[in-house]
Amino acid sequence: MKIKVLLLVGCLVFLSACNDSDYDLDKLVPEEYHKIVYVNNSGKQELTLFNTDEDNKYTLSVIKSGSEPNQTASANIHVLTQAELDDKYSIPESINYKPIGEDCYLLQTNKLEFSLTDRYKTVDISLKPQKVKAFIESEPSVLWVLPLRVVSETDSINAERNDMILILKDVIMPALGFVDASVELRNYDYGKASNISEEIAIGLDTDNKWDLEWELEADNAYVETYNAANSTIFKPLPQGSYTIPETMQLTNGATTTQFSANISGDQLEPGDYMLPIRIKNVSLFEISSTKGVYPLAIRILGNKLDRTGWTAEANTQESTGEGSGNGVAGCILDDELSTYWHSQWQGGNHSFPHELIIDAKEEYSFTQIAMAQRQHGTYTDTRAGEFYVSSDKENWTKVGNFVMEKVLEPQMYGVTSMKGRYIKIKITEGYRDLNCSLSEVYVYGLK
């Protein structure tokens, strides 16, 4: 029976405004609205099953509500036929829905009896992954579903929330992987990080009912692949500078476990390092294709160099338009975040690349460069470019790339450690046409 929602709401509002003794409930709210049954998680629900020997469980929740829900109620769970499914879903939506076979699932019950105090009932649905997989593979173009409807011969059913269509998207093998496999670069000062330790979690992507074992290894080949994809300059950690477990286990009932990766930081020269820890030889199931490697990344910072006496020049600068003493190359070395270099805009714009050259006056082994955008949220203009180092200002060696975010905090970039006197910042992209600016440039390295 379809519920007339507007009528019900109106009756309830009227009821709340009146004295209970003046009106009889049955006169104000029709009897069919005293108790209403509906599916809590109604509508279409996408579900991916795990291909194990165990049935996959899904729980259906059915609610009893209405103006007077403290009554008994009775309902049934009905599996839609192909004709019913076509009439309400396939034809109106132009989607080829088909119900899976009866041997693919088992309902805990299809009869729901609500007592006076029951406000909801749950029904477990057991889905058999291998049988469902056979249906999916038999006709891949079909959207296979388990279409359920709550019906009753005695009580009102909310016709807008009485169906739940379980869309069975796929059947996959459970996979073991790192809980978080993202790269989080951590900074450590040179000579001050004798022991670096990181706790790393590994887990199964479904409830674990098995005893699993696997091995761990350092996959240094991954570093080159990562650098090529991300324009980074990580180096593999030297052999002997780290320890990780060789084998691990996950016992029945536990979904995740942890281990420690330990690094002897006092052995490392300044630079960016990566320890890619790979899972291999798992005893059951698969290794995650996206979380099978944990790229532990650290940066050993060189000393922050004193820029006293350093000078800067640029192939483009705004000498007058940004105010007296502002907009010129020297502003990136003056320790004043409020001042900034800006590319020329009066009398025409300068095309890319914009180049700034810093003269450190003597040679250093440069290891990191940090840059701050102009300290104005609207005009954080510099986007991307390259770093170069030279000893004679004529022969330049590229040592790194950068992509800046539109934030005010200084942003640090690792460079291939190289000895030189001059640093060139070659800006190739901006966020605001040809306009670019920088507030400060900080340099790290060793004498």
Protein backbone atom coordinates (compact mmCIF):
# COMPACT_ATOMS: atom_id res chain seq x y z
CA MET A 1 0.00 0.00 0.00
CA LYS A 2 1.51 3.36 -0.99
CA ILE A 3 1.79 5.83 1.89
CA LYS A 4 0.41 9.32 1.33
CA VAL A 5 3.21 11.19 3.04
CA LEU A 6 1.72 14.70 2.92
CA LEU A 7 -1.53 13.55 4.49
CA LEU A 8 0.32 11.76 7.29
CA VAL A 9 2.53 14.75 8.09
CA GLY A 10 -0.45 17.07 8.17
CA CYS A 11 -2.32 14.80 10.59
CA LEU A 12 0.66 14.57 12.92
CA VAL A 13 1.17 18.35 12.98
CA PHE A 14 -2.52 18.85 13.75
CA LEU A 15 -2.35 16.24 16.48
CA SER A 16 0.60 17.93 18.18
CA ALA A 17 -1.31 21.20 18.41
CA CYS A 18 -4.30 19.71 20.21
CA ASN A 19 -5.06 18.49 23.69
CA ASP A 20 -4.97 14.68 23.79
CA SER A 21 -8.24 14.60 25.73
CA ASP A 22 -10.13 16.52 23.06
CA TYR A 23 -9.36 14.22 20.17
CA ASP A 24 -9.33 10.55 19.57
CA LEU A 25 -6.21 9.24 17.80
CA ASP A 26 -8.21 7.09 15.44
CA LYS A 27 -10.20 10.11 14.25
CA LEU A 28 -7.11 12.19 13.48
CA VAL A 29 -4.75 9.58 11.98
CA PRO A 30 -6.17 6.84 9.77
CA GLU A 31 -5.53 3.39 11.13
CA GLU A 32 -3.23 2.43 8.25
CA TYR A 33 -0.75 5.09 9.41
CA HIS A 34 -0.49 3.84 12.99
CA LYS A 35 2.29 1.44 12.04
CA ILE A 36 4.35 1.56 8.86
CA VAL A 37 7.05 -0.89 7.79
CA TYR A 38 9.93 0.05 5.50
CA VAL A 39 13.46 -1.02 4.52
CA ASN A 40 16.10 1.00 6.32
CA ASN A 41 18.79 0.60 3.64
CA SER A 42 16.34 0.78 0.76
CA GLY A 43 17.16 1.49 -2.87
CA LYS A 44 20.11 0.24 -4.88
CA GLN A 45 23.13 -1.02 -2.94
CA GLU A 46 26.30 -1.97 -4.80
CA LEU A 47 28.15 -4.97 -3.39
CA THR A 48 31.46 -6.60 -4.22
CA LEU A 49 31.89 -10.14 -2.93
CA PHE A 50 35.10 -11.82 -1.80
CA ASN A 51 35.86 -15.10 -3.50
CA THR A 52 36.49 -17.43 -0.55
CA ASP A 53 35.10 -20.76 0.60
CA GLU A 54 32.96 -18.84 3.10
CA ASP A 55 29.56 -17.31 2.32
CA ASN A 56 29.55 -13.51 2.25
CA LYS A 57 27.08 -11.92 4.66
CA TYR A 58 24.84 -8.91 4.12
CA THR A 59 22.32 -7.63 6.67
CA LEU A 60 18.92 -6.25 5.71
CA SER A 61 17.28 -3.95 8.26
CA VAL A 62 13.50 -3.44 8.32
CA ILE A 63 11.97 -0.67 10.45
CA LYS A 64 8.55 -0.41 12.12
CA SER A 65 7.41 3.21 12.55
CA GLY A 66 4.24 5.31 12.21
CA SER A 67 2.09 7.36 14.57
CA GLU A 68 1.67 4.45 17.00
CA PRO A 69 4.49 1.94 16.42
CA ASN A 70 4.00 0.14 19.74
CA GLN A 71 1.81 -2.43 18.04
CA THR A 72 2.52 -5.81 16.51
CA ALA A 73 3.18 -6.01 12.79
CA SER A 74 3.85 -8.69 10.23
CA ALA A 75 5.72 -8.57 6.91
CA ASN A 76 7.37 -10.84 4.36
CA ILE A 77 10.51 -10.53 2.26
CA HIS A 78 9.73 -11.21 -1.38
CA VAL A 79 12.32 -11.75 -4.13
CA LEU A 80 11.20 -9.93 -7.26
CA THR A 81 10.57 -12.00 -10.36
CA GLN A 82 12.14 -11.04 -13.68
CA ALA A 83 8.79 -9.58 -14.79
CA GLU A 84 8.50 -7.44 -11.65
CA LEU A 85 12.12 -6.35 -11.95
CA ASP A 86 11.64 -5.39 -15.59
CA ASP A 87 8.42 -3.49 -14.90
CA LYS A 88 9.82 -1.26 -12.16
CA TYR A 89 13.52 -1.03 -12.99
CA SER A 90 14.85 -2.54 -16.24
CA ILE A 91 12.37 -0.93 -18.64
CA PRO A 92 12.13 2.56 -17.03
CA GLU A 93 15.92 2.77 -16.60
CA SER A 94 16.88 0.99 -19.85
CA ILE A 95 19.25 -1.25 -17.88
CA ASN A 96 19.38 -5.02 -18.27
CA TYR A 97 18.85 -6.15 -14.67
CA LYS A 98 18.61 -9.88 -14.01
CA PRO A 99 18.07 -11.71 -10.69
CA ILE A 100 20.73 -14.19 -9.64
CA GLY A 101 19.70 -17.81 -9.24
CA GLU A 102 18.13 -19.17 -6.07
CA ASP A 103 21.23 -21.26 -5.40
CA CYS A 104 23.31 -18.05 -5.08
CA TYR A 105 21.83 -16.85 -1.81
CA LEU A 106 20.05 -17.85 1.37
CA LEU A 107 17.76 -15.63 3.45
CA GLN A 108 17.88 -16.18 7.19
CA THR A 109 14.09 -15.84 7.09
CA ASN A 110 11.50 -14.36 4.81
CA LYS A 111 8.92 -13.82 7.57
CA LEU A 112 9.12 -10.86 9.96
CA GLU A 113 7.03 -10.72 13.10
CA PHE A 114 7.28 -7.49 15.14
CA SER A 115 6.32 -7.62 18.82
CA LEU A 116 4.87 -4.63 20.67
CA THR A 117 8.37 -3.42 21.61
CA ASP A 118 10.23 -4.28 18.40
CA ARG A 119 11.24 -1.23 16.41
CA TYR A 120 13.29 -3.04 13.79
CA LYS A 121 14.21 -6.49 12.55
CA THR A 122 17.39 -7.61 10.82
CA VAL A 123 17.74 -10.42 8.33
CA ASP A 124 21.10 -11.91 7.37
CA ILE A 125 21.57 -12.72 3.72
CA SER A 126 24.19 -15.34 2.85
CA LEU A 127 25.66 -14.90 -0.64
CA LYS A 128 27.66 -17.68 -2.28
CA PRO A 129 30.52 -15.94 -4.11
CA GLN A 130 31.55 -18.70 -6.49
CA LYS A 131 27.99 -19.25 -7.72
CA VAL A 132 27.48 -15.49 -8.11
CA LYS A 133 30.77 -15.29 -10.01
CA ALA A 134 29.52 -17.94 -12.44
CA PHE A 135 26.44 -15.84 -13.21
CA ILE A 136 28.49 -12.66 -13.72
CA GLU A 137 30.92 -14.42 -16.05
CA SER A 138 28.13 -16.09 -18.03
CA GLU A 139 26.70 -12.73 -19.17
CA PRO A 140 29.07 -9.84 -18.36
CA SER A 141 26.79 -7.27 -20.03
CA VAL A 142 23.99 -8.02 -17.54
CA LEU A 143 23.68 -6.24 -14.21
CA TRP A 144 23.08 -9.13 -11.84
CA VAL A 145 21.05 -8.32 -8.75
CA LEU A 146 19.28 -9.75 -5.74
CA PRO A 147 16.01 -7.77 -5.79
CA LEU A 148 14.16 -7.81 -2.44
CA ARG A 149 10.80 -6.29 -1.53
CA VAL A 150 9.08 -6.07 1.87
CA VAL A 151 5.33 -6.82 1.61
CA SER A 152 2.49 -7.35 4.08
CA GLU A 153 -1.10 -8.55 3.90
CA THR A 154 -2.02 -6.94 7.22
CA ASP A 155 0.08 -3.80 7.70
CA SER A 156 1.04 -0.66 5.80
CA ILE A 157 4.24 -0.65 3.77
CA ASN A 158 6.04 2.52 2.68
CA ALA A 159 5.91 2.09 -1.09
CA GLU A 160 8.81 4.52 -1.55
CA ARG A 161 11.10 2.49 0.72
CA ASN A 162 10.03 -1.11 0.39
CA ASP A 163 12.65 -2.34 -2.13
CA MET A 164 16.32 -3.09 -1.76
CA ILE A 165 18.21 -4.02 -4.92
CA LEU A 166 21.60 -5.58 -4.19
CA ILE A 167 23.71 -4.93 -7.28
CA LEU A 168 26.45 -7.57 -7.41
CA LYS A 169 29.29 -5.69 -9.07
CA ASP A 170 32.10 -8.19 -8.87
CA VAL A 171 33.57 -11.19 -7.10
CA ILE A 172 37.21 -10.64 -6.19
CA MET A 173 39.91 -12.48 -4.32
CA PRO A 174 40.76 -11.03 -0.87
CA ALA A 175 43.99 -9.06 -0.95
CA LEU A 176 46.70 -8.38 1.62
CA GLY A 177 48.21 -4.92 1.57
CA PHE A 178 49.56 -1.99 3.54
CA VAL A 179 46.85 -0.08 5.36
CA ASP A 180 48.28 3.22 4.05
CA ALA A 181 50.68 3.04 1.11
CA SER A 182 50.91 6.77 0.43
CA VAL A 183 54.24 8.60 0.42
CA GLU A 184 54.75 10.80 3.49
CA LEU A 185 58.15 12.45 3.41
CA ARG A 186 59.66 13.03 6.85
CA ASN A 187 62.51 15.50 7.44
CA TYR A 188 65.54 14.84 9.68
CA ASP A 189 68.53 17.07 10.34
CA TYR A 190 71.90 15.88 9.12
CA GLY A 191 73.89 14.21 11.89
CA LYS A 192 71.01 14.38 14.38
CA ALA A 193 68.94 11.29 13.47
CA SER A 194 70.82 8.32 14.86
CA ASN A 195 67.79 6.01 14.88
CA ILE A 196 64.65 6.47 12.77
CA SER A 197 61.79 4.07 13.48
CA GLU A 198 58.41 3.82 11.79
CA GLU A 199 55.45 1.59 12.67
CA ILE A 200 53.78 0.21 9.53
CA ALA A 201 50.43 -1.62 9.36
CA ILE A 202 49.45 -4.46 7.00
CA GLY A 203 45.92 -5.82 6.69
CA LEU A 204 43.47 -8.00 4.80
CA ASP A 205 40.62 -6.22 3.00
CA THR A 206 37.92 -8.49 4.48
CA ASP A 207 37.15 -10.16 7.79
CA ASN A 208 39.96 -12.62 8.44
CA LYS A 209 39.07 -16.25 9.14
CA TRP A 210 42.46 -17.69 8.21
CA ASP A 211 46.09 -17.86 9.29
CA LEU A 212 48.23 -16.00 6.76
CA GLU A 213 52.00 -15.80 6.30
CA TRP A 214 54.09 -13.70 3.95
CA GLU A 215 57.57 -12.29 3.36
CA LEU A 216 58.88 -8.73 3.15
CA GLU A 217 61.69 -7.40 0.99
CA ALA A 218 63.26 -4.07 0.05
CA ASP A 219 62.48 -3.45 -3.64
CA ASN A 220 65.08 -0.90 -4.72
CA ALA A 221 63.99 -1.12 -8.36
CA TYR A 222 60.76 0.56 -7.29
CA VAL A 223 62.66 3.78 -6.53
CA GLU A 224 63.58 4.37 -10.16
CA THR A 225 60.00 3.70 -11.27
CA TYR A 226 58.63 6.10 -8.65
CA ASN A 227 61.09 8.85 -9.58
CA ALA A 228 60.22 8.58 -13.26
CA ALA A 229 56.50 8.85 -12.53
CA ASN A 230 56.74 11.69 -9.99
CA SER A 231 59.79 13.74 -11.07
CA THR A 232 61.47 13.07 -7.72
CA ILE A 233 65.11 12.27 -6.88
CA PHE A 234 64.88 9.58 -4.22
CA LYS A 235 67.85 7.26 -3.68
CA PRO A 236 67.54 3.74 -2.28
CA LEU A 237 68.68 3.43 1.30
CA PRO A 238 72.14 1.84 1.45
CA GLN A 239 72.28 -1.84 2.36
CA GLY A 240 72.91 -2.22 6.07
CA SER A 241 71.34 1.10 7.05
CA TYR A 242 67.90 -0.40 7.78
CA THR A 243 66.20 -3.46 9.25
CA ILE A 244 62.76 -4.93 8.48
CA PRO A 245 61.26 -8.35 9.35
CA GLU A 246 61.80 -11.10 6.80
CA THR A 247 58.49 -12.86 7.53
CA MET A 248 55.17 -11.93 9.12
CA GLN A 249 51.89 -13.59 10.12
CA LEU A 250 48.23 -12.63 10.50
CA THR A 251 46.23 -14.96 12.71
CA ASN A 252 42.58 -15.98 12.41
CA GLY A 253 40.35 -13.16 13.69
CA ALA A 254 42.93 -10.37 13.29
CA THR A 255 42.45 -8.05 10.32
CA THR A 256 45.66 -5.99 10.70
CA THR A 257 49.12 -6.31 12.19
CA GLN A 258 52.13 -4.00 12.53
CA PHE A 259 55.90 -4.10 12.26
CA SER A 260 58.78 -1.68 12.80
CA ALA A 261 61.14 -0.44 10.10
CA ASN A 262 64.36 0.92 11.64
CA ILE A 263 66.88 3.17 9.88
CA SER A 264 70.33 4.28 11.08
CA GLY A 265 70.13 7.91 10.05
CA ASP A 266 73.61 8.83 11.25
CA GLN A 267 75.04 6.85 8.32
CA LEU A 268 73.28 8.97 5.72
CA GLU A 269 74.51 12.01 3.81
CA PRO A 270 71.95 14.78 3.13
CA GLY A 271 69.44 13.85 0.46
CA ASP A 272 66.10 12.16 -0.24
CA TYR A 273 65.91 8.42 0.44
CA MET A 274 63.27 5.77 -0.08
CA LEU A 275 62.89 2.29 1.37
CA PRO A 276 60.21 0.55 -0.72
CA ILE A 277 59.00 -2.42 1.38
CA ARG A 278 57.24 -5.03 -0.75
CA ILE A 279 54.94 -7.88 0.36
CA LYS A 280 55.67 -11.18 -1.39
CA ASN A 281 54.79 -14.87 -1.20
CA VAL A 282 51.56 -14.58 0.78
CA SER A 283 50.30 -18.04 1.79
CA LEU A 284 46.65 -17.37 0.84
CA PHE A 285 44.80 -15.06 -1.54
CA GLU A 286 46.43 -12.14 -3.38
CA ILE A 287 48.69 -9.17 -2.76
CA SER A 288 46.99 -5.81 -3.32
CA SER A 289 47.85 -4.32 -6.71
CA THR A 290 47.75 -0.78 -5.26
CA LYS A 291 48.97 -1.33 -1.69
CA GLY A 292 51.54 -4.07 -2.09
CA VAL A 293 54.49 -1.67 -1.62
CA TYR A 294 55.07 0.75 1.25
CA PRO A 295 57.36 3.59 0.07
CA LEU A 296 59.01 4.74 3.31
CA ALA A 297 60.48 8.14 2.45
CA ILE A 298 62.87 10.30 4.48
CA ARG A 299 64.81 13.48 3.81
CA ILE A 300 68.13 14.18 5.50
CA LEU A 301 68.40 17.96 5.54
CA GLY A 302 71.65 19.71 4.87
CA ASN A 303 72.49 22.75 6.97
CA LYS A 304 70.39 25.84 6.32
CA LEU A 305 72.94 28.10 4.66
CA ASP A 306 73.57 31.68 5.74
CA ARG A 307 72.65 33.90 2.76
CA THR A 308 74.48 36.98 4.04
CA GLY A 309 76.23 38.65 1.11
CA TRP A 310 74.47 36.51 -1.50
CA THR A 311 73.03 38.25 -4.55
CA ALA A 312 70.30 37.46 -7.06
CA GLU A 313 69.48 38.53 -10.60
CA ALA A 314 66.61 37.73 -12.97
CA ASN A 315 65.86 37.82 -16.68
CA THR A 316 62.57 39.54 -15.80
CA GLN A 317 61.50 41.67 -12.85
CA GLU A 318 59.02 44.42 -12.06
CA SER A 319 61.26 47.28 -10.91
CA THR A 320 58.62 49.97 -10.37
CA GLY A 321 55.09 48.59 -10.53
CA GLU A 322 55.25 46.73 -7.20
CA GLY A 323 56.50 49.74 -5.24
CA SER A 324 59.94 51.09 -4.43
CA GLY A 325 62.44 48.30 -3.65
CA ASN A 326 59.87 45.59 -4.33
CA GLY A 327 59.41 43.24 -7.28
CA VAL A 328 63.16 42.84 -7.90
CA ALA A 329 65.30 39.70 -7.69
CA GLY A 330 67.11 40.69 -4.47
CA CYS A 331 63.85 40.42 -2.52
CA ILE A 332 64.11 36.62 -2.49
CA LEU A 333 67.19 36.87 -0.22
CA ASP A 334 66.26 39.69 2.18
CA ASP A 335 64.64 37.58 4.95
CA GLU A 336 61.45 39.63 4.58
CA LEU A 337 58.42 37.58 3.61
CA SER A 338 56.49 40.79 2.93
CA THR A 339 58.72 41.64 -0.04
CA TYR A 340 58.86 39.62 -3.24
CA TRP A 341 60.27 39.28 -6.73
CA HIS A 342 57.72 39.63 -9.54
CA SER A 343 58.07 39.06 -13.27
CA GLN A 344 57.67 42.14 -15.48
CA TRP A 345 54.11 43.29 -16.23
CA GLN A 346 54.49 47.04 -16.90
CA GLY A 347 55.11 47.67 -20.58
CA GLY A 348 54.39 44.03 -21.46
CA ASN A 349 54.88 40.57 -20.02
CA HIS A 350 57.99 38.44 -20.26
CA SER A 351 57.43 35.00 -21.81
CA PHE A 352 58.46 31.76 -20.10
CA PRO A 353 60.90 30.69 -18.84
CA HIS A 354 61.49 33.20 -16.08
CA GLU A 355 64.96 32.71 -14.59
CA LEU A 356 66.44 33.75 -11.26
CA ILE A 357 70.14 33.19 -10.60
CA ILE A 358 71.50 33.18 -7.05
CA ASP A 359 75.21 33.78 -6.44
CA ALA A 360 76.31 32.16 -3.15
CA LYS A 361 79.75 33.77 -3.51
CA GLU A 362 81.50 30.47 -2.72
CA GLU A 363 80.95 26.81 -3.44
CA TYR A 364 78.65 24.53 -1.45
CA SER A 365 77.18 21.09 -1.97
CA PHE A 366 73.53 22.08 -2.37
CA THR A 367 71.05 19.47 -1.08
CA GLN A 368 67.64 21.16 -0.76
CA ILE A 369 65.94 24.37 -1.89
CA ALA A 370 62.88 25.89 -0.24
CA MET A 371 60.75 28.62 -1.79
CA ALA A 372 57.87 30.74 -0.50
CA GLN A 373 55.13 32.13 -2.70
CA ARG A 374 54.23 35.80 -2.50
CA GLN A 375 52.39 36.22 0.81
CA HIS A 376 49.07 37.13 -0.76
CA GLY A 377 46.46 34.39 -1.16
CA THR A 378 45.21 35.79 -4.49
CA TYR A 379 48.62 36.07 -6.10
CA THR A 380 50.40 32.80 -5.35
CA ASP A 381 51.38 32.63 -9.00
CA THR A 382 54.43 30.40 -9.45
CA ARG A 383 53.55 26.83 -10.42
CA ALA A 384 56.42 24.72 -11.81
CA GLY A 385 59.98 24.71 -12.99
CA GLU A 386 63.51 23.32 -12.66
CA PHE A 387 66.65 23.80 -10.59
CA TYR A 388 70.19 24.06 -12.00
CA VAL A 389 73.63 24.39 -10.39
CA SER A 390 76.85 25.79 -11.85
CA SER A 391 80.35 26.65 -10.73
CA ASP A 392 81.05 29.18 -13.49
CA LYS A 393 77.58 30.55 -14.40
CA GLU A 394 78.04 29.20 -17.92
CA ASN A 395 77.82 25.41 -17.66
CA TRP A 396 74.64 24.37 -15.87
CA THR A 397 73.56 20.97 -14.57
CA LYS A 398 69.91 20.22 -13.88
CA VAL A 399 69.52 18.94 -10.30
CA GLY A 400 65.75 18.81 -9.78
CA ASN A 401 62.19 19.85 -10.59
CA PHE A 402 59.51 21.58 -8.58
CA VAL A 403 55.75 22.02 -8.56
CA MET A 404 54.49 24.63 -6.12
CA GLU A 405 51.14 24.64 -4.35
CA LYS A 406 49.11 27.80 -3.87
CA VAL A 407 49.99 28.08 -0.17
CA LEU A 408 51.90 30.68 1.83
CA GLU A 409 54.22 28.38 3.77
CA PRO A 410 57.72 27.73 2.38
CA GLN A 411 57.82 24.60 0.20
CA MET A 412 60.93 22.43 0.21
CA TYR A 413 62.36 20.42 -2.68
CA GLY A 414 65.18 17.93 -2.75
CA VAL A 415 67.86 18.32 -5.39
CA THR A 416 70.60 16.01 -6.56
CA SER A 417 73.52 16.95 -4.34
CA MET A 418 76.03 18.89 -6.40
CA LYS A 419 78.84 21.27 -5.62
CA GLY A 420 78.62 24.73 -7.12
CA ARG A 421 78.42 28.45 -6.54
CA TYR A 422 75.35 29.43 -8.56
CA ILE A 423 71.73 28.24 -8.43
CA LYS A 424 69.34 28.86 -11.29
CA ILE A 425 65.57 28.70 -10.69
CA LYS A 426 63.94 28.23 -14.09
CA ILE A 427 60.19 28.88 -13.87
CA THR A 428 58.29 27.23 -16.73
CA GLU A 429 54.66 27.46 -15.58
CA GLY A 430 52.49 29.89 -13.65
CA TYR A 431 49.00 29.87 -12.19
CA ARG A 432 48.15 33.34 -13.60
CA ASP A 433 49.19 33.57 -17.22
CA LEU A 434 52.80 34.82 -17.44
CA ASN A 435 52.78 36.46 -14.01
CA CYS A 436 55.03 34.82 -11.41
CA SER A 437 56.40 35.87 -8.04
CA LEU A 438 58.41 34.53 -5.10
CA SER A 439 58.83 35.89 -1.61
CA GLU A 440 61.91 34.02 -0.35
CA VAL A 441 64.34 31.30 -1.45
CA TYR A 442 66.16 29.29 1.24
CA VAL A 443 69.06 26.97 0.46
CA TYR A 444 70.37 23.92 2.34
CA GLY A 445 73.66 22.12 1.92
CA LEU A 446 77.16 21.47 3.20
CA LYS A 447 80.29 23.57 2.92
